Amino acid sequence: MSNKYNGWTNYETWNANLWIDNDWKLSENIACITGDYFGSYEDLDTITGLVAERINDMFVDMMPDIESGFFADVMNASFREVNFHEIARYYVEVEAEQLEDDKQESEANHD
């Protein structure tokens, strides 16, 4: 049985990405971070890993402070299921496509 949800690893990953897509400031921040890493690194796996860490950190910073109890357990269990690497890979692929499109457009304008 597959736990995939709307094309993502699971519901938790889909939901995290949905929140990113619906938060302009958060999605722009991730796009900027991704773009910065493209300026410093060439290996897409390295960039993806770095972006995943930053997205994870952003979500940790947004997490409400619930020290213990049922809701803390449920929240932490769900959070552990989020595949931040998959989300990062999505943003890295989008950035790579945009850079390639920009390169082709620039080359076409120089011809």
C-alpha atoms as a PDB file:
ATOM      1  CA  MET A   1       0.000   0.000   0.000  1.00  0.00           C
ATOM      2  CA  SER A   2       1.294   3.444  -0.938  1.00  0.00           C
ATOM      3  CA  ASN A   3       1.089   6.343   1.483  1.00  0.00           C
ATOM      4  CA  LYS A   4       1.578   8.896  -1.301  1.00  0.00           C
ATOM      5  CA  TYR A   5      -0.673  11.916  -1.110  1.00  0.00           C
ATOM      6  CA  ASN A   6      -1.376  14.123  -4.142  1.00  0.00           C
ATOM      7  CA  GLY A   7       1.969  13.132  -5.661  1.00  0.00           C
ATOM      8  CA  TRP A   8       3.993  13.751  -2.491  1.00  0.00           C
ATOM      9  CA  THR A   9       5.588  11.227  -0.128  1.00  0.00           C
ATOM     10  CA  ASN A  10       2.716  11.542   2.351  1.00  0.00           C
ATOM     11  CA  TYR A  11       0.054  13.883   3.680  1.00  0.00           C
ATOM     12  CA  GLU A  12       2.491  15.653   6.015  1.00  0.00           C
ATOM     13  CA  THR A  13       4.883  16.526   3.182  1.00  0.00           C
ATOM     14  CA  TRP A  14       2.047  17.646   0.925  1.00  0.00           C
ATOM     15  CA  ASN A  15       0.610  19.785   3.720  1.00  0.00           C
ATOM     16  CA  ALA A  16       3.963  21.416   4.520  1.00  0.00           C
ATOM     17  CA  ASN A  17       4.455  22.288   0.854  1.00  0.00           C
ATOM     18  CA  LEU A  18       0.890  23.593   0.648  1.00  0.00           C
ATOM     19  CA  TRP A  19       1.647  25.981   3.512  1.00  0.00           C
ATOM     20  CA  ILE A  20       4.791  27.120   1.713  1.00  0.00           C
ATOM     21  CA  ASP A  21       2.881  27.681  -1.540  1.00  0.00           C
ATOM     22  CA  ASN A  22       0.203  29.678   0.278  1.00  0.00           C
ATOM     23  CA  ASP A  23       2.640  31.884   2.200  1.00  0.00           C
ATOM     24  CA  TRP A  24       4.209  34.349  -0.207  1.00  0.00           C
ATOM     25  CA  LYS A  25       6.921  35.434   2.231  1.00  0.00           C
ATOM     26  CA  LEU A  26       7.915  31.845   3.057  1.00  0.00           C
ATOM     27  CA  SER A  27       7.975  30.711  -0.576  1.00  0.00           C
ATOM     28  CA  GLU A  28       9.984  33.783  -1.607  1.00  0.00           C
ATOM     29  CA  ASN A  29      12.436  33.136   1.224  1.00  0.00           C
ATOM     30  CA  ILE A  30      12.935  29.559   0.037  1.00  0.00           C
ATOM     31  CA  ALA A  31      13.343  30.733  -3.560  1.00  0.00           C
ATOM     32  CA  CYS A  32      16.008  33.244  -2.452  1.00  0.00           C
ATOM     33  CA  ILE A  33      17.833  30.625  -0.395  1.00  0.00           C
ATOM     34  CA  THR A  34      17.733  28.217  -3.322  1.00  0.00           C
ATOM     35  CA  GLY A  35      19.010  30.880  -5.710  1.00  0.00           C
ATOM     36  CA  ASP A  36      21.845  31.761  -3.328  1.00  0.00           C
ATOM     37  CA  TYR A  37      22.963  28.137  -3.167  1.00  0.00           C
ATOM     38  CA  PHE A  38      22.938  27.938  -6.968  1.00  0.00           C
ATOM     39  CA  GLY A  39      25.381  30.821  -6.914  1.00  0.00           C
ATOM     40  CA  SER A  40      27.715  28.950  -4.555  1.00  0.00           C
ATOM     41  CA  TYR A  41      27.386  25.288  -5.535  1.00  0.00           C
ATOM     42  CA  GLU A  42      26.947  23.364  -8.776  1.00  0.00           C
ATOM     43  CA  ASP A  43      25.963  19.923  -7.512  1.00  0.00           C
ATOM     44  CA  LEU A  44      22.167  19.654  -7.322  1.00  0.00           C
ATOM     45  CA  ASP A  45      22.317  17.012  -4.572  1.00  0.00           C
ATOM     46  CA  THR A  46      24.402  19.331  -2.395  1.00  0.00           C
ATOM     47  CA  ILE A  47      22.063  22.249  -3.058  1.00  0.00           C
ATOM     48  CA  THR A  48      19.018  20.084  -2.302  1.00  0.00           C
ATOM     49  CA  GLY A  49      20.483  18.918   1.007  1.00  0.00           C
ATOM     50  CA  LEU A  50      21.324  22.474   2.067  1.00  0.00           C
ATOM     51  CA  VAL A  51      17.897  23.804   1.075  1.00  0.00           C
ATOM     52  CA  ALA A  52      16.199  20.920   2.930  1.00  0.00           C
ATOM     53  CA  GLU A  53      18.089  21.826   6.104  1.00  0.00           C
ATOM     54  CA  ARG A  54      17.068  25.467   5.806  1.00  0.00           C
ATOM     55  CA  ILE A  55      13.393  24.619   5.188  1.00  0.00           C
ATOM     56  CA  ASN A  56      13.424  22.261   8.167  1.00  0.00           C
ATOM     57  CA  ASP A  57      14.961  25.029  10.305  1.00  0.00           C
ATOM     58  CA  MET A  58      12.302  27.515   9.172  1.00  0.00           C
ATOM     59  CA  PHE A  59       9.544  25.127  10.185  1.00  0.00           C
ATOM     60  CA  VAL A  60      11.201  24.438  13.538  1.00  0.00           C
ATOM     61  CA  ASP A  61      11.340  28.188  14.156  1.00  0.00           C
ATOM     62  CA  MET A  62       7.603  28.483  13.392  1.00  0.00           C
ATOM     63  CA  MET A  63       6.633  25.566  15.619  1.00  0.00           C
ATOM     64  CA  PRO A  64       4.574  26.540  18.650  1.00  0.00           C
ATOM     65  CA  ASP A  65       6.136  25.909  22.035  1.00  0.00           C
ATOM     66  CA  ILE A  66       4.273  22.906  23.418  1.00  0.00           C
ATOM     67  CA  GLU A  67       6.562  21.152  25.847  1.00  0.00           C
ATOM     68  CA  SER A  68       4.717  17.930  26.544  1.00  0.00           C
ATOM     69  CA  GLY A  69       1.433  16.122  26.386  1.00  0.00           C
ATOM     70  CA  PHE A  70      -0.760  14.572  23.769  1.00  0.00           C
ATOM     71  CA  PHE A  71      -0.704  17.518  21.342  1.00  0.00           C
ATOM     72  CA  ALA A  72       3.067  17.841  21.549  1.00  0.00           C
ATOM     73  CA  ASP A  73       3.404  14.133  20.782  1.00  0.00           C
ATOM     74  CA  VAL A  74       1.038  14.328  17.808  1.00  0.00           C
ATOM     75  CA  MET A  75       2.670  17.479  16.453  1.00  0.00           C
ATOM     76  CA  ASN A  76       6.173  16.024  16.763  1.00  0.00           C
ATOM     77  CA  ALA A  77       5.145  12.703  15.213  1.00  0.00           C
ATOM     78  CA  SER A  78       3.627  14.497  12.220  1.00  0.00           C
ATOM     79  CA  PHE A  79       6.610  16.810  11.896  1.00  0.00           C
ATOM     80  CA  ARG A  80       8.984  13.845  11.709  1.00  0.00           C
ATOM     81  CA  GLU A  81       7.037  12.543   8.705  1.00  0.00           C
ATOM     82  CA  VAL A  82       7.623  15.658   6.587  1.00  0.00           C
ATOM     83  CA  ASN A  83      10.068  14.866   3.794  1.00  0.00           C
ATOM     84  CA  PHE A  84      11.934  18.183   3.651  1.00  0.00           C
ATOM     85  CA  HIS A  85      14.352  16.728   1.123  1.00  0.00           C
ATOM     86  CA  GLU A  86      11.484  16.134  -1.304  1.00  0.00           C
ATOM     87  CA  ILE A  87      10.208  19.692  -0.824  1.00  0.00           C
ATOM     88  CA  ALA A  88      13.710  21.070  -1.317  1.00  0.00           C
ATOM     89  CA  ARG A  89      14.176  18.977  -4.463  1.00  0.00           C
ATOM     90  CA  TYR A  90      10.987  20.532  -5.869  1.00  0.00           C
ATOM     91  CA  TYR A  91      12.311  24.064  -5.295  1.00  0.00           C
ATOM     92  CA  VAL A  92      15.773  23.187  -6.617  1.00  0.00           C
ATOM     93  CA  GLU A  93      14.236  21.755  -9.798  1.00  0.00           C
ATOM     94  CA  VAL A  94      12.084  24.875 -10.251  1.00  0.00           C
ATOM     95  CA  GLU A  95      15.166  27.096  -9.837  1.00  0.00           C
ATOM     96  CA  ALA A  96      17.224  24.947 -12.229  1.00  0.00           C
ATOM     97  CA  GLU A  97      14.490  25.164 -14.866  1.00  0.00           C
ATOM     98  CA  GLN A  98      14.251  28.931 -14.415  1.00  0.00           C
ATOM     99  CA  LEU A  99      18.005  29.340 -14.758  1.00  0.00           C
ATOM    100  CA  GLU A 100      18.004  27.198 -17.905  1.00  0.00           C
ATOM    101  CA  ASP A 101      15.118  29.214 -19.378  1.00  0.00           C
ATOM    102  CA  ASP A 102      16.949  32.462 -18.574  1.00  0.00           C
ATOM    103  CA  LYS A 103      20.120  31.119 -20.200  1.00  0.00           C
ATOM    104  CA  GLN A 104      18.274  30.097 -23.368  1.00  0.00           C
ATOM    105  CA  GLU A 105      16.483  33.439 -23.533  1.00  0.00           C
ATOM    106  CA  SER A 106      19.763  35.305 -23.101  1.00  0.00           C
ATOM    107  CA  GLU A 107      21.411  33.228 -25.819  1.00  0.00           C
ATOM    108  CA  ALA A 108      18.465  33.823 -28.153  1.00  0.00           C
ATOM    109  CA  ASN A 109      18.710  37.591 -27.576  1.00  0.00           C
ATOM    110  CA  HIS A 110      22.409  37.537 -28.443  1.00  0.00           C
ATOM    111  CA  ASP A 111      21.846  35.794 -31.786  1.00  0.00           C
END
